[in-house]
Amino acid sequence: MNDQSPNVENCGIDELVPKVGGPLTVGQVATMTGLSIDTLRWYERVGLLEGVARDHAGRRQYARTDLRRLSVLMRLRATGMPISEMLRYAELAKAGDATEPQRIQLLEEHRDRVLDHIANLHSDLDIINRKIAAYRGSRQSPAVSA
């Protein structure tokens, strides 16, 4: 996934990615991200994460740019983006700057779904808070009998 154009390279992601002194192994990245080694390998195999360098023995050597990509992927997944859309995003990013309008559209559509979900959660939370208040109210004051 190539998000390296100057206007979108960091997008605040660098703040979320720890500074690393050198390449990291797949095990180190798994520990750092909470993703399993199998998931990291699968992300690479299906094309969500491309270009992970290898050492002379063929072992993965993750760089900070890989961690940046993983950070974005993890947030897309955590906010409910389907893998199929994540793959589409990765394909578009790989295709280069000419696909920015499509990436924007894909991300805007996902953002709108996330905002709808948040609104629904707020509504659900309001009901829960009302229920808590009702229970507290019934314990604090005696019931009025007719």
N, C-alpha and C. Protein backbone atom coordinates (compact mmCIF):
# COMPACT_ATOMS: atom_id res chain seq x y z
N MET A 1 0.86 -1.17 0.00
CA MET A 1 0.00 0.00 0.00
C MET A 1 0.90 1.22 0.00
N ASN A 2 0.74 2.09 -0.96
CA ASN A 2 1.61 3.24 -1.10
C ASN A 2 0.86 4.51 -0.73
N ASP A 3 1.04 4.96 0.49
CA ASP A 3 0.43 6.21 0.94
C ASP A 3 1.54 7.25 1.13
N GLN A 4 2.48 7.28 0.22
CA GLN A 4 3.64 8.11 0.43
C GLN A 4 3.60 9.46 -0.26
N SER A 5 2.49 9.84 -0.89
CA SER A 5 2.44 11.16 -1.47
C SER A 5 2.54 12.17 -0.34
N PRO A 6 3.18 13.32 -0.59
CA PRO A 6 3.50 14.26 0.48
C PRO A 6 2.30 14.68 1.34
N ASN A 7 1.13 14.83 0.74
CA ASN A 7 0.00 15.33 1.50
C ASN A 7 -0.66 14.27 2.38
N VAL A 8 -0.36 13.00 2.18
CA VAL A 8 -0.99 11.96 3.01
C VAL A 8 0.02 11.04 3.67
N GLU A 9 1.29 11.33 3.57
CA GLU A 9 2.29 10.40 4.08
C GLU A 9 2.08 10.09 5.55
N ASN A 10 1.92 11.10 6.37
CA ASN A 10 1.83 10.86 7.80
C ASN A 10 0.41 10.91 8.33
N CYS A 11 -0.35 11.89 7.98
CA CYS A 11 -1.76 12.03 8.40
C CYS A 11 -1.94 11.80 9.89
N GLY A 12 -0.95 12.12 10.69
CA GLY A 12 -1.06 11.90 12.12
C GLY A 12 -0.72 10.48 12.55
N ILE A 13 -0.44 9.62 11.60
CA ILE A 13 -0.14 8.22 11.92
C ILE A 13 1.19 8.10 12.67
N ASP A 14 2.16 8.95 12.32
CA ASP A 14 3.46 8.85 12.98
C ASP A 14 3.35 8.96 14.49
N GLU A 15 2.37 9.72 14.97
CA GLU A 15 2.18 9.86 16.41
C GLU A 15 1.79 8.53 17.05
N LEU A 16 1.21 7.64 16.27
CA LEU A 16 0.73 6.36 16.79
C LEU A 16 1.75 5.24 16.64
N VAL A 17 2.79 5.49 15.84
CA VAL A 17 3.77 4.45 15.54
C VAL A 17 5.03 4.70 16.36
N PRO A 18 5.44 3.72 17.16
CA PRO A 18 6.64 3.92 17.97
C PRO A 18 7.89 4.09 17.11
N LYS A 19 8.81 4.88 17.62
CA LYS A 19 10.10 5.04 16.95
C LYS A 19 10.86 3.73 17.09
N VAL A 20 11.46 3.30 16.00
CA VAL A 20 12.25 2.07 16.04
C VAL A 20 13.64 2.37 15.51
N GLY A 21 14.62 1.71 16.09
CA GLY A 21 16.00 1.96 15.72
C GLY A 21 16.47 1.21 14.50
N GLY A 22 15.76 0.23 14.09
CA GLY A 22 16.17 -0.57 12.95
C GLY A 22 15.04 -1.50 12.56
N PRO A 23 15.34 -2.42 11.66
CA PRO A 23 14.30 -3.34 11.22
C PRO A 23 13.81 -4.23 12.37
N LEU A 24 12.54 -4.60 12.30
CA LEU A 24 11.93 -5.45 13.32
C LEU A 24 11.55 -6.80 12.72
N THR A 25 11.61 -7.83 13.54
CA THR A 25 11.19 -9.16 13.10
C THR A 25 9.67 -9.26 13.15
N VAL A 26 9.15 -10.29 12.54
CA VAL A 26 7.70 -10.50 12.55
C VAL A 26 7.21 -10.71 13.99
N GLY A 27 7.99 -11.36 14.81
CA GLY A 27 7.62 -11.55 16.21
C GLY A 27 7.58 -10.24 16.98
N GLN A 28 8.55 -9.38 16.74
CA GLN A 28 8.57 -8.07 17.40
C GLN A 28 7.36 -7.23 16.99
N VAL A 29 7.02 -7.28 15.71
CA VAL A 29 5.88 -6.51 15.22
C VAL A 29 4.58 -7.09 15.77
N ALA A 30 4.51 -8.39 15.87
CA ALA A 30 3.32 -9.03 16.44
C ALA A 30 3.14 -8.58 17.89
N THR A 31 4.21 -8.58 18.66
CA THR A 31 4.15 -8.13 20.05
C THR A 31 3.76 -6.66 20.13
N MET A 32 4.35 -5.85 19.28
CA MET A 32 4.11 -4.41 19.29
C MET A 32 2.68 -4.05 18.90
N THR A 33 2.12 -4.76 17.93
CA THR A 33 0.80 -4.41 17.40
C THR A 33 -0.35 -5.19 18.02
N GLY A 34 -0.03 -6.35 18.60
CA GLY A 34 -1.09 -7.21 19.10
C GLY A 34 -1.68 -8.10 18.03
N LEU A 35 -1.18 -7.98 16.80
CA LEU A 35 -1.61 -8.87 15.72
C LEU A 35 -0.81 -10.17 15.82
N SER A 36 -1.40 -11.26 15.41
CA SER A 36 -0.67 -12.52 15.45
C SER A 36 0.32 -12.57 14.29
N ILE A 37 1.31 -13.42 14.42
CA ILE A 37 2.28 -13.62 13.34
C ILE A 37 1.55 -14.12 12.10
N ASP A 38 0.59 -15.00 12.29
CA ASP A 38 -0.19 -15.50 11.15
C ASP A 38 -0.94 -14.38 10.45
N THR A 39 -1.51 -13.45 11.21
CA THR A 39 -2.23 -12.32 10.61
C THR A 39 -1.27 -11.45 9.82
N LEU A 40 -0.11 -11.16 10.37
CA LEU A 40 0.88 -10.35 9.66
C LEU A 40 1.29 -11.01 8.34
N ARG A 41 1.53 -12.29 8.41
CA ARG A 41 1.90 -13.02 7.18
C ARG A 41 0.73 -13.02 6.19
N TRP A 42 -0.49 -13.19 6.68
CA TRP A 42 -1.67 -13.20 5.81
C TRP A 42 -1.86 -11.83 5.16
N TYR A 43 -1.70 -10.75 5.94
CA TYR A 43 -1.79 -9.40 5.37
C TYR A 43 -0.84 -9.24 4.20
N GLU A 44 0.35 -9.78 4.34
CA GLU A 44 1.33 -9.69 3.26
C GLU A 44 0.93 -10.59 2.08
N ARG A 45 0.49 -11.79 2.39
CA ARG A 45 0.13 -12.75 1.34
C ARG A 45 -1.02 -12.26 0.47
N VAL A 46 -2.04 -11.63 1.08
CA VAL A 46 -3.20 -11.19 0.30
C VAL A 46 -3.01 -9.82 -0.33
N GLY A 47 -1.93 -9.13 0.02
CA GLY A 47 -1.65 -7.84 -0.61
C GLY A 47 -2.02 -6.62 0.20
N LEU A 48 -2.41 -6.80 1.45
CA LEU A 48 -2.69 -5.64 2.29
C LEU A 48 -1.40 -4.94 2.72
N LEU A 49 -0.36 -5.71 2.85
CA LEU A 49 0.94 -5.17 3.28
C LEU A 49 1.97 -5.67 2.28
N GLU A 50 2.52 -4.74 1.53
CA GLU A 50 3.48 -5.13 0.48
C GLU A 50 4.86 -4.57 0.76
N GLY A 51 5.82 -5.21 0.17
CA GLY A 51 7.18 -4.69 0.19
C GLY A 51 7.92 -4.84 1.50
N VAL A 52 7.50 -5.77 2.35
CA VAL A 52 8.25 -5.99 3.58
C VAL A 52 9.60 -6.59 3.19
N ALA A 53 10.66 -5.92 3.61
CA ALA A 53 12.01 -6.36 3.25
C ALA A 53 12.32 -7.70 3.91
N ARG A 54 13.28 -8.39 3.34
CA ARG A 54 13.75 -9.67 3.89
C ARG A 54 15.26 -9.58 4.11
N ASP A 55 15.74 -10.28 5.12
CA ASP A 55 17.18 -10.34 5.32
C ASP A 55 17.77 -11.44 4.44
N HIS A 56 19.06 -11.68 4.56
CA HIS A 56 19.74 -12.66 3.70
C HIS A 56 19.18 -14.08 3.86
N ALA A 57 18.55 -14.34 5.02
CA ALA A 57 17.97 -15.67 5.27
C ALA A 57 16.48 -15.72 4.91
N GLY A 58 15.95 -14.63 4.38
CA GLY A 58 14.55 -14.60 3.98
C GLY A 58 13.57 -14.22 5.08
N ARG A 59 14.10 -13.81 6.24
CA ARG A 59 13.23 -13.41 7.34
C ARG A 59 12.75 -11.97 7.14
N ARG A 60 11.47 -11.75 7.46
CA ARG A 60 10.89 -10.42 7.31
C ARG A 60 11.62 -9.41 8.19
N GLN A 61 11.80 -8.22 7.64
CA GLN A 61 12.44 -7.12 8.34
C GLN A 61 11.54 -5.89 8.19
N TYR A 62 10.68 -5.66 9.17
CA TYR A 62 9.70 -4.58 9.09
C TYR A 62 10.35 -3.23 9.39
N ALA A 63 10.03 -2.25 8.56
CA ALA A 63 10.53 -0.88 8.73
C ALA A 63 9.40 -0.01 9.27
N ARG A 64 9.72 1.22 9.59
CA ARG A 64 8.72 2.16 10.12
C ARG A 64 7.57 2.38 9.13
N THR A 65 7.87 2.38 7.84
CA THR A 65 6.80 2.55 6.85
C THR A 65 5.81 1.38 6.91
N ASP A 66 6.32 0.18 7.18
CA ASP A 66 5.44 -0.98 7.33
C ASP A 66 4.55 -0.82 8.56
N LEU A 67 5.13 -0.29 9.65
CA LEU A 67 4.35 -0.07 10.86
C LEU A 67 3.27 0.98 10.62
N ARG A 68 3.59 2.00 9.83
CA ARG A 68 2.60 3.03 9.48
C ARG A 68 1.42 2.39 8.75
N ARG A 69 1.74 1.57 7.74
CA ARG A 69 0.68 0.90 6.98
C ARG A 69 -0.16 0.01 7.88
N LEU A 70 0.50 -0.75 8.75
CA LEU A 70 -0.22 -1.62 9.68
C LEU A 70 -1.13 -0.81 10.60
N SER A 71 -0.66 0.33 11.03
CA SER A 71 -1.46 1.18 11.90
C SER A 71 -2.75 1.61 11.21
N VAL A 72 -2.65 2.00 9.95
CA VAL A 72 -3.84 2.37 9.18
C VAL A 72 -4.75 1.17 9.02
N LEU A 73 -4.19 0.04 8.62
CA LEU A 73 -4.99 -1.17 8.42
C LEU A 73 -5.71 -1.58 9.70
N MET A 74 -5.02 -1.49 10.82
CA MET A 74 -5.62 -1.87 12.10
C MET A 74 -6.79 -0.96 12.45
N ARG A 75 -6.66 0.32 12.14
CA ARG A 75 -7.75 1.24 12.44
C ARG A 75 -8.93 1.05 11.50
N LEU A 76 -8.64 0.77 10.25
CA LEU A 76 -9.72 0.48 9.31
C LEU A 76 -10.49 -0.75 9.78
N ARG A 77 -9.75 -1.76 10.17
CA ARG A 77 -10.39 -3.01 10.61
C ARG A 77 -11.15 -2.79 11.92
N ALA A 78 -10.54 -2.06 12.86
CA ALA A 78 -11.17 -1.81 14.15
C ALA A 78 -12.47 -1.02 14.01
N THR A 79 -12.57 -0.22 12.97
CA THR A 79 -13.78 0.57 12.74
C THR A 79 -14.76 -0.15 11.84
N GLY A 80 -14.49 -1.43 11.57
CA GLY A 80 -15.46 -2.26 10.87
C GLY A 80 -15.35 -2.30 9.36
N MET A 81 -14.26 -1.80 8.79
CA MET A 81 -14.13 -1.89 7.34
C MET A 81 -13.97 -3.36 6.95
N PRO A 82 -14.77 -3.82 6.00
CA PRO A 82 -14.62 -5.20 5.55
C PRO A 82 -13.26 -5.41 4.87
N ILE A 83 -12.75 -6.63 4.96
CA ILE A 83 -11.47 -6.96 4.34
C ILE A 83 -11.52 -6.65 2.84
N SER A 84 -12.64 -6.90 2.20
CA SER A 84 -12.74 -6.63 0.75
C SER A 84 -12.48 -5.16 0.45
N GLU A 85 -12.98 -4.26 1.30
CA GLU A 85 -12.72 -2.84 1.09
C GLU A 85 -11.28 -2.47 1.43
N MET A 86 -10.73 -3.12 2.44
CA MET A 86 -9.33 -2.89 2.77
C MET A 86 -8.45 -3.31 1.60
N LEU A 87 -8.79 -4.43 0.98
CA LEU A 87 -8.03 -4.89 -0.20
C LEU A 87 -8.17 -3.90 -1.35
N ARG A 88 -9.37 -3.39 -1.56
CA ARG A 88 -9.60 -2.39 -2.60
C ARG A 88 -8.77 -1.14 -2.34
N TYR A 89 -8.75 -0.69 -1.09
CA TYR A 89 -7.95 0.47 -0.70
C TYR A 89 -6.47 0.22 -1.00
N ALA A 90 -5.99 -0.96 -0.62
CA ALA A 90 -4.58 -1.30 -0.87
C ALA A 90 -4.28 -1.32 -2.37
N GLU A 91 -5.19 -1.87 -3.16
CA GLU A 91 -4.99 -1.90 -4.62
C GLU A 91 -4.93 -0.48 -5.18
N LEU A 92 -5.83 0.37 -4.73
CA LEU A 92 -5.85 1.75 -5.21
C LEU A 92 -4.57 2.49 -4.80
N ALA A 93 -4.15 2.29 -3.56
CA ALA A 93 -2.93 2.95 -3.09
C ALA A 93 -1.72 2.49 -3.90
N LYS A 94 -1.67 1.21 -4.20
CA LYS A 94 -0.56 0.66 -4.98
C LYS A 94 -0.55 1.24 -6.39
N ALA A 95 -1.73 1.56 -6.92
CA ALA A 95 -1.83 2.09 -8.29
C ALA A 95 -1.32 3.53 -8.40
N GLY A 96 -1.16 4.22 -7.28
CA GLY A 96 -0.55 5.54 -7.33
C GLY A 96 -1.50 6.71 -7.15
N ASP A 97 -0.94 7.89 -7.35
CA ASP A 97 -1.64 9.14 -7.08
C ASP A 97 -2.92 9.32 -7.89
N ALA A 98 -2.98 8.75 -9.06
CA ALA A 98 -4.17 8.92 -9.91
C ALA A 98 -5.43 8.34 -9.27
N THR A 99 -5.26 7.46 -8.28
CA THR A 99 -6.42 6.83 -7.65
C THR A 99 -6.86 7.56 -6.37
N GLU A 100 -6.27 8.71 -6.08
CA GLU A 100 -6.65 9.43 -4.86
C GLU A 100 -8.15 9.71 -4.79
N PRO A 101 -8.81 10.12 -5.89
CA PRO A 101 -10.26 10.36 -5.78
C PRO A 101 -11.04 9.11 -5.35
N GLN A 102 -10.65 7.95 -5.86
CA GLN A 102 -11.33 6.72 -5.47
C GLN A 102 -11.05 6.37 -4.00
N ARG A 103 -9.81 6.61 -3.57
CA ARG A 103 -9.48 6.35 -2.16
C ARG A 103 -10.26 7.29 -1.24
N ILE A 104 -10.36 8.54 -1.65
CA ILE A 104 -11.13 9.50 -0.86
C ILE A 104 -12.57 9.03 -0.75
N GLN A 105 -13.15 8.62 -1.86
CA GLN A 105 -14.55 8.16 -1.85
C GLN A 105 -14.71 6.94 -0.94
N LEU A 106 -13.81 5.99 -1.06
CA LEU A 106 -13.88 4.79 -0.24
C LEU A 106 -13.79 5.15 1.25
N LEU A 107 -12.86 6.03 1.59
CA LEU A 107 -12.69 6.43 2.99
C LEU A 107 -13.86 7.27 3.48
N GLU A 108 -14.41 8.13 2.64
CA GLU A 108 -15.57 8.92 3.04
C GLU A 108 -16.78 8.04 3.30
N GLU A 109 -16.99 7.05 2.45
CA GLU A 109 -18.10 6.12 2.66
C GLU A 109 -17.93 5.35 3.96
N HIS A 110 -16.70 4.93 4.23
CA HIS A 110 -16.43 4.22 5.47
C HIS A 110 -16.62 5.15 6.67
N ARG A 111 -16.11 6.37 6.55
CA ARG A 111 -16.29 7.35 7.63
C ARG A 111 -17.78 7.55 7.93
N ASP A 112 -18.60 7.66 6.90
CA ASP A 112 -20.03 7.86 7.10
C ASP A 112 -20.65 6.67 7.84
N ARG A 113 -20.22 5.46 7.49
CA ARG A 113 -20.73 4.28 8.21
C ARG A 113 -20.29 4.30 9.67
N VAL A 114 -19.04 4.72 9.91
CA VAL A 114 -18.53 4.80 11.28
C VAL A 114 -19.32 5.84 12.07
N LEU A 115 -19.59 7.00 11.45
CA LEU A 115 -20.36 8.04 12.13
C LEU A 115 -21.78 7.57 12.45
N ASP A 116 -22.39 6.84 11.54
CA ASP A 116 -23.72 6.26 11.80
C ASP A 116 -23.66 5.29 12.98
N HIS A 117 -22.63 4.48 13.00
CA HIS A 117 -22.46 3.52 14.09
C HIS A 117 -22.28 4.24 15.42
N ILE A 118 -21.47 5.29 15.42
CA ILE A 118 -21.25 6.07 16.64
C ILE A 118 -22.56 6.69 17.11
N ALA A 119 -23.35 7.23 16.19
CA ALA A 119 -24.65 7.81 16.55
C ALA A 119 -25.55 6.76 17.17
N ASN A 120 -25.56 5.57 16.59
CA ASN A 120 -26.37 4.48 17.16
C ASN A 120 -25.86 4.09 18.55
N LEU A 121 -24.56 4.07 18.73
CA LEU A 121 -24.00 3.76 20.04
C LEU A 121 -24.38 4.81 21.07
N HIS A 122 -24.36 6.08 20.66
CA HIS A 122 -24.77 7.16 21.57
C HIS A 122 -26.23 6.98 21.98
N SER A 123 -27.07 6.61 21.04
CA SER A 123 -28.48 6.38 21.33
C SER A 123 -28.63 5.21 22.30
N ASP A 124 -27.90 4.14 22.05
CA ASP A 124 -27.93 2.97 22.95
C ASP A 124 -27.43 3.35 24.34
N LEU A 125 -26.36 4.14 24.39
CA LEU A 125 -25.80 4.57 25.67
C LEU A 125 -26.80 5.43 26.43
N ASP A 126 -27.53 6.26 25.72
CA ASP A 126 -28.55 7.09 26.36
C ASP A 126 -29.61 6.21 27.05
N ILE A 127 -30.02 5.16 26.38
CA ILE A 127 -31.00 4.24 26.97
C ILE A 127 -30.42 3.58 28.23
N ILE A 128 -29.18 3.15 28.15
CA ILE A 128 -28.53 2.52 29.31
C ILE A 128 -28.45 3.52 30.47
N ASN A 129 -28.05 4.76 30.18
CA ASN A 129 -27.97 5.77 31.23
C ASN A 129 -29.33 6.06 31.84
N ARG A 130 -30.38 6.09 31.03
CA ARG A 130 -31.73 6.31 31.55
C ARG A 130 -32.15 5.16 32.47
N LYS A 131 -31.79 3.95 32.07
CA LYS A 131 -32.13 2.77 32.88
C LYS A 131 -31.41 2.85 34.23
N ILE A 132 -30.12 3.22 34.20
CA ILE A 132 -29.36 3.36 35.45
C ILE A 132 -30.00 4.43 36.33
N ALA A 133 -30.34 5.57 35.73
CA ALA A 133 -30.97 6.65 36.49
C ALA A 133 -32.29 6.20 37.09
N ALA A 134 -33.06 5.43 36.33
CA ALA A 134 -34.34 4.94 36.84
C ALA A 134 -34.13 4.02 38.03
N TYR A 135 -33.15 3.12 37.94
CA TYR A 135 -32.88 2.23 39.07
C TYR A 135 -32.40 3.01 40.27
N ARG A 136 -31.53 3.96 40.07
CA ARG A 136 -31.04 4.77 41.18
C ARG A 136 -32.17 5.57 41.80
N GLY A 137 -33.03 6.10 40.96
CA GLY A 137 -34.15 6.89 41.46
C GLY A 137 -35.10 6.06 42.29
N SER A 138 -35.32 4.80 41.91
CA SER A 138 -36.26 3.95 42.65
C SER A 138 -35.68 3.54 44.00
N ARG A 139 -34.38 3.51 44.13
CA ARG A 139 -33.76 3.15 45.41
C ARG A 139 -33.66 4.36 46.32
N GLN A 140 -33.53 5.53 45.75
CA GLN A 140 -33.32 6.72 46.57
C GLN A 140 -34.62 7.27 47.14
N SER A 141 -35.71 7.09 46.46
CA SER A 141 -36.97 7.60 47.00
C SER A 141 -37.98 6.47 47.05
N PRO A 142 -38.77 6.40 48.09
CA PRO A 142 -39.76 5.32 48.20
C PRO A 142 -40.81 5.45 47.10
N ALA A 143 -41.33 4.31 46.72
CA ALA A 143 -42.38 4.30 45.71
C ALA A 143 -43.62 4.94 46.28
N VAL A 144 -44.32 5.66 45.47
CA VAL A 144 -45.56 6.30 45.89
C VAL A 144 -46.68 5.30 45.68
N SER A 145 -47.41 5.05 46.76
CA SER A 145 -48.51 4.09 46.62
C SER A 145 -49.82 4.84 46.37
N ALA A 146 -50.69 4.19 45.69
CA ALA A 146 -51.98 4.83 45.37
C ALA A 146 -52.98 4.61 46.44
